[in-house]
Amino acid sequence: MELLCTGPMCRYAEDLLPLLKIFAGTNVSKLDIDRKVDLKSLKFYTMEDDGGSMLPSKIKLFNFVVIATNSLKVMDSTSLGQLIGRVITHLEEQLGVKVETVNIGKMKFSLEMWSAKMSTAGGTSFCEYMADRKGSVNAVAEYFKWLVGMSNHTLPAIGLGIVENLTSLTERSNNIFLNMLERLSEDMGNLLGDNGILLYPTHPKIAPYHNEPILYPFNFAYTGIFNALGLPVTQCPLGLSSSGLPLVLHVCYHHRMIITQTEFCDTNPKDIVQYCVFITVTDAKPIDEDNRCINM
């Protein structure tokens, strides 16, 4: 079961294309990776949050204070939701496109769908991976060892191992959410087609402190749902908060990747980590005999 593959992390958008060509190796000839894309021909959609799930943190939508003219630098973490609105305005002004706000109701159950997909993935279990595939780790025992500082595993990994062992207790709900995931996949395909882009928050909070995510264990659902859907996603830096923390946004496509660099923000370089939308055309499905994805 395909649940996750990774791509390059680059400081500059212009480095993405050469790296993807290297990753593709001899398969690069199968990709139309150098074809130019007219950004004005694309359809842009946005969702400001996951639709109201009770488990992940809420994205705060308070007004933000702009520090400098034409700058994405903002006052505090409460501005994350408003920043998406600023990006939408910029896209519409610079490209002349219309960014449509959508409300995909099934996204509210992102965590449940991801969990159902993980629970029914089959193959090597996570507890076996924790043991380096030399047996299986007892996740409950590891939790008590962690409490006294004797475990070699992190708390999130131990928690996932415990949840994995509860699969037999959630068989009925797993079937419900797997069916929902299949319908969501169809909805995404119909919405995005071959030229649609969905702008979606990467995380409901600005970069947390180390170990702080333990207090918000379900926030990963904002990224996990795209793993479960098998959709390619690029993380686009949008700038820095007043505390110097990065602001990031999902750019999601349907079986097509975008790599063409566009610099939309006319901001002071001191205030922003280069903001780009990456657009191109590459098949998101594995294309070699080892079933490896060669893109993000």
Foldseek 3Di string as FASTA:
>chain_A
DFQDDDADDDLDLVVRLVRLCVLCPPVCVVWPFPDDDQLLPFAAEEELALQDAPAFDAAAPDDWDDPDPLFLATADFNCQSVSVVVVQVLCCVPSVHHYHYDHDPLSSCLLLLLLLCLLPVDDDHLQCVVVVVPDGDPLVVLVVCVVVPRHPDDPLSSVNVVSSVCSVVCVVSSVVSPVVLVVVLVVQCVVFPQRYKYKYFCFSTFDDDPPPCVVRVRRNSSVSSCSSSLWDWDKWWDWAYPVRTTRIIIITHHQFAFRDWDQRRPHDPVTGSGGTHGGGGGGQFQDDPVRHGSHD
